[in-house]
Amino acid sequence: VARAVARHGARGIQATEPGEWRVREAMEQWRTEMPVRVRIL
């Protein structure tokens, strides 16, 4: 995801919540680790 944000100059990330706890924990970290707004639906 970090590579793709840089590659495309993305202005934001929008994702559907994952089905597994460990992936959800990782996805929540994107809010602080990514340089753009993250929306989880």
Full PDB file with SEQRES, HELIX, SHEET, SSBOND, CRYST1, ORIGX, SCALE, CONECT and MASTER records, all heavy atoms in Angstrom:
SEQRES   1 A   41  VAL ALA ARG ALA VAL ALA ARG HIS GLY ALA ARG GLY ILE          
SEQRES   2 A   41  GLN ALA THR GLU PRO GLY GLU TRP ARG VAL ARG GLU ALA          
SEQRES   3 A   41  MET GLU GLN TRP ARG THR GLU MET PRO VAL ARG VAL ARG          
SEQRES   4 A   41  ILE LEU                                                      
HELIX    1 AA1 ALA A    2  HIS A    8  1                                   7    
HELIX    2 AA2 TRP A   21  GLU A   33  1                                  13    
SHEET    1 AA1 2 GLY A  12  ALA A  15  0                                        
SHEET    2 AA1 2 ARG A  37  ILE A  40  1                                        
CRYST1    1.000    1.000    1.000  90.00  90.00  90.00 P 1           1          
ORIGX1      1.000000  0.000000  0.000000        0.00000                         
ORIGX2      0.000000  1.000000  0.000000        0.00000                         
ORIGX3      0.000000  0.000000  1.000000        0.00000                         
SCALE1      1.000000  0.000000  0.000000        0.00000                         
SCALE2      0.000000  1.000000  0.000000        0.00000                         
SCALE3      0.000000  0.000000  1.000000        0.00000                         
ATOM      1  N   VAL A   1       0.845  -1.194   0.000  1.00  0.00           N  
ATOM      2  CA  VAL A   1       0.000   0.000   0.000  1.00  0.00           C  
ATOM      3  C   VAL A   1       0.882   1.246   0.000  1.00  0.00           C  
ATOM      4  O   VAL A   1       0.622   2.212  -0.737  1.00  0.00           O  
ATOM      5  CB  VAL A   1      -0.967  -0.015   1.206  1.00  0.00           C  
ATOM      6  CG1 VAL A   1      -1.654   1.335   1.373  1.00  0.00           C  
ATOM      7  CG2 VAL A   1      -2.016  -1.110   1.021  1.00  0.00           C  
ATOM      8  N   ALA A   2       1.931   1.254   0.810  1.00  0.00           N  
ATOM      9  CA  ALA A   2       2.836   2.403   0.844  1.00  0.00           C  
ATOM     10  C   ALA A   2       3.481   2.643  -0.515  1.00  0.00           C  
ATOM     11  O   ALA A   2       3.572   3.790  -0.980  1.00  0.00           O  
ATOM     12  CB  ALA A   2       3.901   2.189   1.916  1.00  0.00           C  
ATOM     13  N   ARG A   3       3.913   1.581  -1.161  1.00  0.00           N  
ATOM     14  CA  ARG A   3       4.514   1.729  -2.500  1.00  0.00           C  
ATOM     15  C   ARG A   3       3.507   2.276  -3.491  1.00  0.00           C  
ATOM     16  O   ARG A   3       3.830   3.121  -4.333  1.00  0.00           O  
ATOM     17  CB  ARG A   3       5.042   0.381  -2.997  1.00  0.00           C  
ATOM     18  CG  ARG A   3       6.345  -0.068  -2.363  1.00  0.00           C  
ATOM     19  CD  ARG A   3       7.138  -0.988  -3.290  1.00  0.00           C  
ATOM     20  NE  ARG A   3       6.362  -2.093  -3.826  1.00  0.00           N  
ATOM     21  CZ  ARG A   3       6.453  -2.517  -5.095  1.00  0.00           C  
ATOM     22  NH1 ARG A   3       7.267  -1.904  -5.945  1.00  0.00           N  
ATOM     23  NH2 ARG A   3       5.730  -3.549  -5.504  1.00  0.00           N  
ATOM     24  N   ALA A   4       2.268   1.785  -3.410  1.00  0.00           N  
ATOM     25  CA  ALA A   4       1.247   2.221  -4.369  1.00  0.00           C  
ATOM     26  C   ALA A   4       0.847   3.672  -4.151  1.00  0.00           C  
ATOM     27  O   ALA A   4       0.582   4.409  -5.113  1.00  0.00           O  
ATOM     28  CB  ALA A   4       0.035   1.310  -4.273  1.00  0.00           C  
ATOM     29  N   VAL A   5       0.779   4.110  -2.889  1.00  0.00           N  
ATOM     30  CA  VAL A   5       0.477   5.510  -2.611  1.00  0.00           C  
ATOM     31  C   VAL A   5       1.506   6.415  -3.286  1.00  0.00           C  
ATOM     32  O   VAL A   5       1.169   7.413  -3.938  1.00  0.00           O  
ATOM     33  CB  VAL A   5       0.430   5.776  -1.087  1.00  0.00           C  
ATOM     34  CG1 VAL A   5       0.440   7.266  -0.791  1.00  0.00           C  
ATOM     35  CG2 VAL A   5      -0.805   5.125  -0.473  1.00  0.00           C  
ATOM     36  N   ALA A   6       2.778   6.059  -3.158  1.00  0.00           N  
ATOM     37  CA  ALA A   6       3.839   6.846  -3.775  1.00  0.00           C  
ATOM     38  C   ALA A   6       3.801   6.737  -5.302  1.00  0.00           C  
ATOM     39  O   ALA A   6       3.978   7.734  -6.015  1.00  0.00           O  
ATOM     40  CB  ALA A   6       5.193   6.387  -3.236  1.00  0.00           C  
ATOM     41  N   ARG A   7       3.558   5.534  -5.790  1.00  0.00           N  
ATOM     42  CA  ARG A   7       3.584   5.294  -7.240  1.00  0.00           C  
ATOM     43  C   ARG A   7       2.505   6.087  -7.964  1.00  0.00           C  
ATOM     44  O   ARG A   7       2.728   6.595  -9.069  1.00  0.00           O  
ATOM     45  CB  ARG A   7       3.409   3.793  -7.478  1.00  0.00           C  
ATOM     46  CG  ARG A   7       3.605   3.343  -8.892  1.00  0.00           C  
ATOM     47  CD  ARG A   7       3.845   1.831  -8.960  1.00  0.00           C  
ATOM     48  NE  ARG A   7       2.789   1.018  -8.376  1.00  0.00           N  
ATOM     49  CZ  ARG A   7       2.962   0.248  -7.308  1.00  0.00           C  
ATOM     50  NH1 ARG A   7       4.128   0.205  -6.681  1.00  0.00           N  
ATOM     51  NH2 ARG A   7       1.955  -0.483  -6.847  1.00  0.00           N  
ATOM     52  N   HIS A   8       1.343   6.183  -7.354  1.00  0.00           N  
ATOM     53  CA  HIS A   8       0.207   6.835  -8.013  1.00  0.00           C  
ATOM     54  C   HIS A   8      -0.047   8.255  -7.504  1.00  0.00           C  
ATOM     55  O   HIS A   8      -0.956   8.915  -8.008  1.00  0.00           O  
ATOM     56  CB  HIS A   8      -1.055   5.991  -7.824  1.00  0.00           C  
ATOM     57  CG  HIS A   8      -0.964   4.635  -8.446  1.00  0.00           C  
ATOM     58  ND1 HIS A   8      -1.017   4.428  -9.804  1.00  0.00           N  
ATOM     59  CD2 HIS A   8      -0.789   3.413  -7.885  1.00  0.00           C  
ATOM     60  CE1 HIS A   8      -0.890   3.134 -10.062  1.00  0.00           C  
ATOM     61  NE2 HIS A   8      -0.750   2.492  -8.909  1.00  0.00           N  
ATOM     62  N   GLY A   9       0.722   8.697  -6.530  1.00  0.00           N  
ATOM     63  CA  GLY A   9       0.448   9.998  -5.941  1.00  0.00           C  
ATOM     64  C   GLY A   9      -0.947  10.070  -5.366  1.00  0.00           C  
ATOM     65  O   GLY A   9      -1.645  11.082  -5.500  1.00  0.00           O  
ATOM     66  N   ALA A  10      -1.377   8.998  -4.706  1.00  0.00           N  
ATOM     67  CA  ALA A  10      -2.749   8.893  -4.207  1.00  0.00           C  
ATOM     68  C   ALA A  10      -3.048   9.974  -3.175  1.00  0.00           C  
ATOM     69  O   ALA A  10      -2.189  10.348  -2.364  1.00  0.00           O  
ATOM     70  CB  ALA A  10      -2.975   7.515  -3.592  1.00  0.00           C  
ATOM     71  N   ARG A  11      -4.268  10.484  -3.213  1.00  0.00           N  
ATOM     72  CA  ARG A  11      -4.683  11.498  -2.247  1.00  0.00           C  
ATOM     73  C   ARG A  11      -5.376  10.895  -1.024  1.00  0.00           C  
ATOM     74  O   ARG A  11      -5.637  11.589  -0.047  1.00  0.00           O  
ATOM     75  CB  ARG A  11      -5.614  12.508  -2.912  1.00  0.00           C  
ATOM     76  CG  ARG A  11      -7.003  12.003  -3.261  1.00  0.00           C  
ATOM     77  CD  ARG A  11      -7.864  13.133  -3.827  1.00  0.00           C  
ATOM     78  NE  ARG A  11      -9.262  12.775  -3.984  1.00  0.00           N  
ATOM     79  CZ  ARG A  11      -9.777  12.217  -5.069  1.00  0.00           C  
ATOM     80  NH1 ARG A  11      -8.986  11.949  -6.114  1.00  0.00           N  
ATOM     81  NH2 ARG A  11     -11.072  11.931  -5.125  1.00  0.00           N  
ATOM     82  N   GLY A  12      -5.687   9.616  -1.104  1.00  0.00           N  
ATOM     83  CA  GLY A  12      -6.340   8.953   0.011  1.00  0.00           C  
ATOM     84  C   GLY A  12      -6.432   7.460  -0.231  1.00  0.00           C  
ATOM     85  O   GLY A  12      -6.184   6.972  -1.350  1.00  0.00           O  
ATOM     86  N   ILE A  13      -6.762   6.750   0.843  1.00  0.00           N  
ATOM     87  CA  ILE A  13      -6.942   5.295   0.783  1.00  0.00           C  
ATOM     88  C   ILE A  13      -8.348   4.988   1.285  1.00  0.00           C  
ATOM     89  O   ILE A  13      -8.763   5.501   2.327  1.00  0.00           O  
ATOM     90  CB  ILE A  13      -5.907   4.563   1.670  1.00  0.00           C  
ATOM     91  CG1 ILE A  13      -4.490   4.831   1.178  1.00  0.00           C  
ATOM     92  CG2 ILE A  13      -6.201   3.054   1.710  1.00  0.00           C  
ATOM     93  CD1 ILE A  13      -3.421   4.373   2.166  1.00  0.00           C  
ATOM     94  N   GLN A  14      -9.059   4.153   0.558  1.00  0.00           N  
ATOM     95  CA  GLN A  14     -10.387   3.712   0.989  1.00  0.00           C  
ATOM     96  C   GLN A  14     -10.433   2.196   0.904  1.00  0.00           C  
ATOM     97  O   GLN A  14     -10.188   1.618  -0.152  1.00  0.00           O  
ATOM     98  CB  GLN A  14     -11.473   4.332   0.109  1.00  0.00           C  
ATOM     99  CG  GLN A  14     -12.885   3.903   0.499  1.00  0.00           C  
ATOM    100  CD  GLN A  14     -13.931   4.865   0.007  1.00  0.00           C  
ATOM    101  OE1 GLN A  14     -13.973   6.018   0.433  1.00  0.00           O  
ATOM    102  NE2 GLN A  14     -14.793   4.409  -0.910  1.00  0.00           N  
ATOM    103  N   ALA A  15     -10.721   1.540   2.022  1.00  0.00           N  
ATOM    104  CA  ALA A  15     -10.686   0.079   2.082  1.00  0.00           C  
ATOM    105  C   ALA A  15     -11.917  -0.454   2.802  1.00  0.00           C  
ATOM    106  O   ALA A  15     -12.487   0.212   3.673  1.00  0.00           O  
ATOM    107  CB  ALA A  15      -9.425  -0.397   2.803  1.00  0.00           C  
ATOM    108  N   THR A  16     -12.313  -1.660   2.432  1.00  0.00           N  
ATOM    109  CA  THR A  16     -13.324  -2.393   3.190  1.00  0.00           C  
ATOM    110  C   THR A  16     -12.624  -3.129   4.325  1.00  0.00           C  
ATOM    111  O   THR A  16     -11.539  -3.694   4.136  1.00  0.00           O  
ATOM    112  CB  THR A  16     -14.054  -3.394   2.282  1.00  0.00           C  
ATOM    113  OG1 THR A  16     -14.799  -2.668   1.297  1.00  0.00           O  
ATOM    114  CG2 THR A  16     -14.991  -4.289   3.070  1.00  0.00           C  
ATOM    115  N   GLU A  17     -13.229  -3.123   5.498  1.00  0.00           N  
ATOM    116  CA  GLU A  17     -12.629  -3.781   6.655  1.00  0.00           C  
ATOM    117  C   GLU A  17     -12.282  -5.228   6.321  1.00  0.00           C  
ATOM    118  O   GLU A  17     -13.042  -5.931   5.646  1.00  0.00           O  
ATOM    119  CB  GLU A  17     -13.582  -3.741   7.850  1.00  0.00           C  
ATOM    120  CG  GLU A  17     -14.884  -4.484   7.621  1.00  0.00           C  
ATOM    121  CD  GLU A  17     -15.856  -4.355   8.781  1.00  0.00           C  
ATOM    122  OE1 GLU A  17     -15.454  -3.815   9.831  1.00  0.00           O  
ATOM    123  OE2 GLU A  17     -17.008  -4.800   8.645  1.00  0.00           O  
ATOM    124  N   PRO A  18     -11.123  -5.711   6.768  1.00  0.00           N  
ATOM    125  CA  PRO A  18     -10.738  -7.103   6.512  1.00  0.00           C  
ATOM    126  C   PRO A  18     -11.498  -8.057   7.418  1.00  0.00           C  
ATOM    127  O   PRO A  18     -12.104  -7.648   8.416  1.00  0.00           O  
ATOM    128  CB  PRO A  18      -9.244  -7.120   6.817  1.00  0.00           C  
ATOM    129  CG  PRO A  18      -9.066  -6.044   7.829  1.00  0.00           C  
ATOM    130  CD  PRO A  18     -10.090  -4.978   7.503  1.00  0.00           C  
ATOM    131  N   GLY A  19     -11.442  -9.339   7.081  1.00  0.00           N  
ATOM    132  CA  GLY A  19     -12.184 -10.338   7.841  1.00  0.00           C  
ATOM    133  C   GLY A  19     -11.436 -10.901   9.029  1.00  0.00           C  
ATOM    134  O   GLY A  19     -12.025 -11.609   9.842  1.00  0.00           O  
ATOM    135  N   GLU A  20     -10.125 -10.595   9.154  1.00  0.00           N  
ATOM    136  CA  GLU A  20      -9.328 -11.198  10.206  1.00  0.00           C  
ATOM    137  C   GLU A  20      -8.734 -10.133  11.127  1.00  0.00           C  
ATOM    138  O   GLU A  20      -8.356  -9.038  10.686  1.00  0.00           O  
ATOM    139  CB  GLU A  20      -8.210 -12.056   9.597  1.00  0.00           C  
ATOM    140  CG  GLU A  20      -8.760 -13.189   8.730  1.00  0.00           C  
ATOM    141  CD  GLU A  20      -7.708 -14.223   8.382  1.00  0.00           C  
ATOM    142  OE1 GLU A  20      -6.504 -13.964   8.614  1.00  0.00           O  
ATOM    143  OE2 GLU A  20      -8.088 -15.294   7.883  1.00  0.00           O  
ATOM    144  N   TRP A  21      -8.653 -10.480  12.384  1.00  0.00           N  
ATOM    145  CA  TRP A  21      -8.196  -9.570  13.420  1.00  0.00           C  
ATOM    146  C   TRP A  21      -6.802  -9.034  13.126  1.00  0.00           C  
ATOM    147  O   TRP A  21      -6.559  -7.820  13.203  1.00  0.00           O  
ATOM    148  CB  TRP A  21      -8.195 -10.298  14.772  1.00  0.00           C  
ATOM    149  CG  TRP A  21      -7.705  -9.472  15.910  1.00  0.00           C  
ATOM    150  CD1 TRP A  21      -6.409  -9.329  16.337  1.00  0.00           C  
ATOM    151  CD2 TRP A  21      -8.488  -8.638  16.769  1.00  0.00           C  
ATOM    152  NE1 TRP A  21      -6.340  -8.485  17.416  1.00  0.00           N  
ATOM    153  CE2 TRP A  21      -7.606  -8.033  17.695  1.00  0.00           C  
ATOM    154  CE3 TRP A  21      -9.851  -8.342  16.859  1.00  0.00           C  
ATOM    155  CZ2 TRP A  21      -8.039  -7.175  18.698  1.00  0.00           C  
ATOM    156  CZ3 TRP A  21     -10.287  -7.481  17.852  1.00  0.00           C  
ATOM    157  CH2 TRP A  21      -9.390  -6.902  18.758  1.00  0.00           C  
ATOM    158  N   ARG A  22      -5.860  -9.909  12.764  1.00  0.00           N  
ATOM    159  CA  ARG A  22      -4.475  -9.474  12.573  1.00  0.00           C  
ATOM    160  C   ARG A  22      -4.377  -8.494  11.410  1.00  0.00           C  
ATOM    161  O   ARG A  22      -3.585  -7.539  11.454  1.00  0.00           O  
ATOM    162  CB  ARG A  22      -3.548 -10.674  12.350  1.00  0.00           C  
ATOM    163  CG  ARG A  22      -3.877 -11.456  11.126  1.00  0.00           C  
ATOM    164  CD  ARG A  22      -3.038 -12.692  10.858  1.00  0.00           C  
ATOM    165  NE  ARG A  22      -3.522 -13.275   9.625  1.00  0.00           N  
ATOM    166  CZ  ARG A  22      -3.188 -12.832   8.430  1.00  0.00           C  
ATOM    167  NH1 ARG A  22      -2.324 -11.853   8.303  1.00  0.00           N  
ATOM    168  NH2 ARG A  22      -3.697 -13.380   7.351  1.00  0.00           N  
ATOM    169  N   VAL A  23      -5.184  -8.690  10.350  1.00  0.00           N  
ATOM    170  CA  VAL A  23      -5.143  -7.776   9.211  1.00  0.00           C  
ATOM    171  C   VAL A  23      -5.797  -6.453   9.585  1.00  0.00           C  
ATOM    172  O   VAL A  23      -5.349  -5.380   9.173  1.00  0.00           O  
ATOM    173  CB  VAL A  23      -5.813  -8.410   7.977  1.00  0.00           C  
ATOM    174  CG1 VAL A  23      -5.703  -7.483   6.768  1.00  0.00           C  
ATOM    175  CG2 VAL A  23      -5.172  -9.758   7.643  1.00  0.00           C  
ATOM    176  N   ARG A  24      -6.866  -6.507  10.376  1.00  0.00           N  
ATOM    177  CA  ARG A  24      -7.503  -5.273  10.837  1.00  0.00           C  
ATOM    178  C   ARG A  24      -6.527  -4.451  11.677  1.00  0.00           C  
ATOM    179  O   ARG A  24      -6.454  -3.225  11.550  1.00  0.00           O  
ATOM    180  CB  ARG A  24      -8.772  -5.591  11.635  1.00  0.00           C  
ATOM    181  CG  ARG A  24      -9.506  -4.365  12.179  1.00  0.00           C  
ATOM    182  CD  ARG A  24     -10.118  -3.536  11.068  1.00  0.00           C  
ATOM    183  NE  ARG A  24     -10.544  -2.222  11.505  1.00  0.00           N  
ATOM    184  CZ  ARG A  24     -11.793  -1.747  11.369  1.00  0.00           C  
ATOM    185  NH1 ARG A  24     -12.725  -2.513  10.839  1.00  0.00           N  
ATOM    186  NH2 ARG A  24     -12.093  -0.536  11.756  1.00  0.00           N  
ATOM    187  N   GLU A  25      -5.765  -5.114  12.541  1.00  0.00           N  
ATOM    188  CA  GLU A  25      -4.784  -4.406  13.342  1.00  0.00           C  
ATOM    189  C   GLU A  25      -3.747  -3.712  12.462  1.00  0.00           C  
ATOM    190  O   GLU A  25      -3.367  -2.561  12.709  1.00  0.00           O  
ATOM    191  CB  GLU A  25      -4.086  -5.390  14.289  1.00  0.00           C  
ATOM    192  CG  GLU A  25      -4.974  -5.923  15.389  1.00  0.00           C  
ATOM    193  CD  GLU A  25      -5.214  -4.894  16.480  1.00  0.00           C  
ATOM    194  OE1 GLU A  25      -4.316  -4.679  17.315  1.00  0.00           O  
ATOM    195  OE2 GLU A  25      -6.312  -4.295  16.482  1.00  0.00           O  
ATOM    196  N   ALA A  26      -3.302  -4.405  11.419  1.00  0.00           N  
ATOM    197  CA  ALA A  26      -2.334  -3.811  10.493  1.00  0.00           C  
ATOM    198  C   ALA A  26      -2.958  -2.645   9.736  1.00  0.00           C  
ATOM    199  O   ALA A  26      -2.329  -1.591   9.554  1.00  0.00           O  
ATOM    200  CB  ALA A  26      -1.825  -4.865   9.523  1.00  0.00           C  
ATOM    201  N   MET A  27      -4.203  -2.817   9.294  1.00  0.00           N  
ATOM    202  CA  MET A  27      -4.870  -1.770   8.523  1.00  0.00           C  
ATOM    203  C   MET A  27      -5.093  -0.522   9.373  1.00  0.00           C  
ATOM    204  O   MET A  27      -4.973   0.613   8.874  1.00  0.00           O  
ATOM    205  CB  MET A  27      -6.192  -2.301   7.964  1.00  0.00           C  
ATOM    206  CG  MET A  27      -6.842  -1.395   6.946  1.00  0.00           C  
ATOM    207  SD  MET A  27      -8.354  -2.097   6.212  1.00  0.00           S  
ATOM    208  CE  MET A  27      -7.668  -3.309   5.077  1.00  0.00           C  
ATOM    209  N   GLU A  28      -5.417  -0.692  10.648  1.00  0.00           N  
ATOM    210  CA  GLU A  28      -5.598   0.456  11.522  1.00  0.00           C  
ATOM    211  C   GLU A  28      -4.309   1.270  11.634  1.00  0.00           C  
ATOM    212  O   GLU A  28      -4.343   2.501  11.807  1.00  0.00           O  
ATOM    213  CB  GLU A  28      -6.067   0.009  12.911  1.00  0.00           C  
ATOM    214  CG  GLU A  28      -7.493  -0.508  12.954  1.00  0.00           C  
ATOM    215  CD  GLU A  28      -8.533   0.591  12.744  1.00  0.00           C  
ATOM    216  OE1 GLU A  28      -8.174   1.788  12.810  1.00  0.00           O  
ATOM    217  OE2 GLU A  28      -9.710   0.246  12.513  1.00  0.00           O  
ATOM    218  N   GLN A  29      -3.161   0.592  11.543  1.00  0.00           N  
ATOM    219  CA  GLN A  29      -1.879   1.296  11.617  1.00  0.00           C  
ATOM    220  C   GLN A  29      -1.644   2.195  10.413  1.00  0.00           C  
ATOM    221  O   GLN A  29      -0.843   3.133  10.483  1.00  0.00           O  
ATOM    222  CB  GLN A  29      -0.739   0.287  11.763  1.00  0.00           C  
ATOM    223  CG  GLN A  29      -0.732  -0.494  13.064  1.00  0.00           C  
ATOM    224  CD  GLN A  29      -0.627   0.405  14.283  1.00  0.00           C  
ATOM    225  OE1 GLN A  29       0.216   1.293  14.339  1.00  0.00           O  
ATOM    226  NE2 GLN A  29      -1.507   0.185  15.260  1.00  0.00           N  
ATOM    227  N   TRP A  30      -2.340   1.905   9.310  1.00  0.00           N  
ATOM    228  CA  TRP A  30      -2.170   2.758   8.135  1.00  0.00           C  
ATOM    229  C   TRP A  30      -2.554   4.199   8.437  1.00  0.00           C  
ATOM    230  O   TRP A  30      -2.047   5.137   7.817  1.00  0.00           O  
ATOM    231  CB  TRP A  30      -3.031   2.246   6.972  1.00  0.00           C  
ATOM    232  CG  TRP A  30      -2.672   0.892   6.458  1.00  0.00           C  
ATOM    233  CD1 TRP A  30      -1.630   0.110   6.846  1.00  0.00           C  
ATOM    234  CD2 TRP A  30      -3.386   0.155   5.472  1.00  0.00           C  
ATOM    235  NE1 TRP A  30      -1.641  -1.087   6.164  1.00  0.00           N  
ATOM    236  CE2 TRP A  30      -2.712  -1.074   5.313  1.00  0.00           C  
ATOM    237  CE3 TRP A  30      -4.536   0.400   4.712  1.00  0.00           C  
ATOM    238  CZ2 TRP A  30      -3.140  -2.055   4.414  1.00  0.00           C  
ATOM    239  CZ3 TRP A  30      -4.972  -0.557   3.818  1.00  0.00           C  
ATOM    240  CH2 TRP A  30      -4.283  -1.776   3.662  1.00  0.00           C  
ATOM    241  N   ARG A  31      -3.458   4.405   9.380  1.00  0.00           N  
ATOM    242  CA  ARG A  31      -3.919   5.765   9.682  1.00  0.00           C  
ATOM    243  C   ARG A  31      -2.759   6.659  10.136  1.00  0.00           C  
ATOM    244  O   ARG A  31      -2.776   7.876   9.914  1.00  0.00           O  
ATOM    245  CB  ARG A  31      -4.998   5.728  10.762  1.00  0.00           C  
ATOM    246  CG  ARG A  31      -6.259   4.947  10.388  1.00  0.00           C  
ATOM    247  CD  ARG A  31      -7.302   5.085  11.488  1.00  0.00           C  
ATOM    248  NE  ARG A  31      -8.431   4.183  11.332  1.00  0.00           N  
ATOM    249  CZ  ARG A  31      -9.496   4.421  10.559  1.00  0.00           C  
ATOM    250  NH1 ARG A  31      -9.548   5.538   9.851  1.00  0.00           N  
ATOM    251  NH2 ARG A  31     -10.496   3.559  10.485  1.00  0.00           N  
ATOM    252  N   THR A  32      -1.775   6.051  10.799  1.00  0.00           N  
ATOM    253  CA  THR A  32      -0.622   6.829  11.255  1.00  0.00           C  
ATOM    254  C   THR A  32       0.606   6.627  10.378  1.00  0.00           C  
ATOM    255  O   THR A  32       1.471   7.503  10.323  1.00  0.00           O  
ATOM    256  CB  THR A  32      -0.269   6.447  12.707  1.00  0.00           C  
ATOM    257  OG1 THR A  32      -0.048   5.035  12.805  1.00  0.00           O  
ATOM    258  CG2 THR A  32      -1.398   6.847  13.648  1.00  0.00           C  
ATOM    259  N   GLU A  33       0.674   5.484   9.675  1.00  0.00           N  
ATOM    260  CA  GLU A  33       1.865   5.181   8.891  1.00  0.00           C  
ATOM    261  C   GLU A  33       1.821   5.746   7.474  1.00  0.00           C  
ATOM    262  O   GLU A  33       2.866   5.963   6.864  1.00  0.00           O  
ATOM    263  CB  GLU A  33       2.065   3.662   8.825  1.00  0.00           C  
ATOM    264  CG  GLU A  33       2.389   3.033  10.171  1.00  0.00           C  
ATOM    265  CD  GLU A  33       2.516   1.522  10.082  1.00  0.00           C  
ATOM    266  OE1 GLU A  33       2.329   0.969   8.979  1.00  0.00           O  
ATOM    267  OE2 GLU A  33       2.794   0.892  11.123  1.00  0.00           O  
ATOM    268  N   MET A  34       0.614   5.965   6.945  1.00  0.00           N  
ATOM    269  CA  MET A  34       0.491   6.443   5.573  1.00  0.00           C  
ATOM    270  C   MET A  34       0.399   7.977   5.547  1.00  0.00           C  
ATOM    271  O   MET A  34      -0.176   8.580   6.458  1.00  0.00           O  
ATOM    272  CB  MET A  34      -0.735   5.824   4.896  1.00  0.00           C  
ATOM    273  CG  MET A  34      -0.704   4.305   4.805  1.00  0.00           C  
ATOM    274  SD  MET A  34       0.672   3.719   3.801  1.00  0.00           S  
ATOM    275  CE  MET A  34       0.703   1.977   4.303  1.00  0.00           C  
ATOM    276  N   PRO A  35       0.916   8.587   4.505  1.00  0.00           N  
ATOM    277  CA  PRO A  35       0.922  10.063   4.433  1.00  0.00           C  
ATOM    278  C   PRO A  35      -0.394  10.660   3.946  1.00  0.00           C  
ATOM    279  O   PRO A  35      -0.457  11.864   3.694  1.00  0.00           O  
ATOM    280  CB  PRO A  35       2.047  10.344   3.429  1.00  0.00           C  
ATOM    281  CG  PRO A  35       2.025   9.163   2.515  1.00  0.00           C  
ATOM    282  CD  PRO A  35       1.674   7.981   3.386  1.00  0.00           C  
ATOM    283  N   VAL A  36      -1.435   9.816   3.796  1.00  0.00           N  
ATOM    284  CA  VAL A  36      -2.724  10.286   3.297  1.00  0.00           C  
ATOM    285  C   VAL A  36      -3.838   9.783   4.208  1.00  0.00           C  
ATOM    286  O   VAL A  36      -3.642   8.894   5.042  1.00  0.00           O  
ATOM    287  CB  VAL A  36      -2.980   9.798   1.844  1.00  0.00           C  
ATOM    288  CG1 VAL A  36      -1.946  10.384   0.887  1.00  0.00           C  
ATOM    289  CG2 VAL A  36      -2.967   8.266   1.777  1.00  0.00           C  
ATOM    290  N   ARG A  37      -5.022  10.352   4.020  1.00  0.00           N  
ATOM    291  CA  ARG A  37      -6.186   9.960   4.836  1.00  0.00           C  
ATOM    292  C   ARG A  37      -6.585   8.523   4.507  1.00  0.00           C  
ATOM    293  O   ARG A  37      -6.595   8.115   3.344  1.00  0.00           O  
ATOM    294  CB  ARG A  37      -7.347  10.907   4.541  1.00  0.00           C  
ATOM    295  CG  ARG A  37      -8.629  10.592   5.291  1.00  0.00           C  
ATOM    296  CD  ARG A  37      -9.670  11.672   5.027  1.00  0.00           C  
ATOM    297  NE  ARG A  37     -10.931  11.396   5.689  1.00  0.00           N  
ATOM    298  CZ  ARG A  37     -11.950  10.772   5.112  1.00  0.00           C  
ATOM    299  NH1 ARG A  37     -11.860  10.379   3.854  1.00  0.00           N  
ATOM    300  NH2 ARG A  37     -13.076  10.563   5.774  1.00  0.00           N  
ATOM    301  N   VAL A  38      -6.934   7.775   5.544  1.00  0.00           N  
ATOM    302  CA  VAL A  38      -7.357   6.375   5.385  1.00  0.00           C  
ATOM    303  C   VAL A  38      -8.794   6.240   5.869  1.00  0.00           C  
ATOM    304  O   VAL A  38      -9.125   6.629   6.998  1.00  0.00           O  
ATOM    305  CB  VAL A  38      -6.437   5.416   6.171  1.00  0.00           C  
ATOM    306  CG1 VAL A  38      -6.956   3.985   6.082  1.00  0.00           C  
ATOM    307  CG2 VAL A  38      -5.005   5.506   5.663  1.00  0.00           C  
ATOM    308  N   ARG A  39      -9.633   5.680   5.030  1.00  0.00           N  
ATOM    309  CA  ARG A  39     -11.037   5.454   5.369  1.00  0.00           C  
ATOM    310  C   ARG A  39     -11.301   3.950   5.303  1.00  0.00           C  
ATOM    311  O   ARG A  39     -11.052   3.311   4.275  1.00  0.00           O  
ATOM    312  CB  ARG A  39     -11.935   6.199   4.391  1.00  0.00           C  
ATOM    313  CG  ARG A  39     -13.419   6.152   4.716  1.00  0.00           C  
ATOM    314  CD  ARG A  39     -14.216   6.848   3.625  1.00  0.00           C  
ATOM    315  NE  ARG A  39     -15.640   6.915   3.942  1.00  0.00           N  
ATOM    316  CZ  ARG A  39     -16.589   7.037   3.025  1.00  0.00           C  
ATOM    317  NH1 ARG A  39     -16.270   7.116   1.728  1.00  0.00           N  
ATOM    318  NH2 ARG A  39     -17.859   7.086   3.387  1.00  0.00           N  
ATOM    319  N   ILE A  40     -11.798   3.362   6.405  1.00  0.00           N  
ATOM    320  CA  ILE A  40     -12.089   1.934   6.469  1.00  0.00           C  
ATOM    321  C   ILE A  40     -13.593   1.766   6.627  1.00  0.00           C  
ATOM    322  O   ILE A  40     -14.186   2.282   7.583  1.00  0.00           O  
ATOM    323  CB  ILE A  40     -11.334   1.255   7.631  1.00  0.00           C  
ATOM    324  CG1 ILE A  40      -9.823   1.464   7.481  1.00  0.00           C  
ATOM    325  CG2 ILE A  40     -11.663  -0.231   7.680  1.00  0.00           C  
ATOM    326  CD1 ILE A  40      -9.009   0.983   8.679  1.00  0.00           C  
ATOM    327  N   LEU A  41     -14.205   1.053   5.712  1.00  0.00           N  
ATOM    328  CA  LEU A  41     -15.656   0.910   5.653  1.00  0.00           C  
ATOM    329  C   LEU A  41     -16.108  -0.469   6.106  1.00  0.00           C  
ATOM    330  O   LEU A  41     -15.373  -1.454   5.959  1.00  0.00           O  
ATOM    331  CB  LEU A  41     -16.139   1.165   4.224  1.00  0.00           C  
ATOM    332  CG  LEU A  41     -15.805   2.538   3.638  1.00  0.00           C  
ATOM    333  CD1 LEU A  41     -16.161   2.584   2.160  1.00  0.00           C  
ATOM    334  CD2 LEU A  41     -16.525   3.624   4.405  1.00  0.00           C  
TER     335      LEU A  41                                                      
MASTER        0    0    0    2    2    0    0    6  334    1    0    4          
END                                                                             
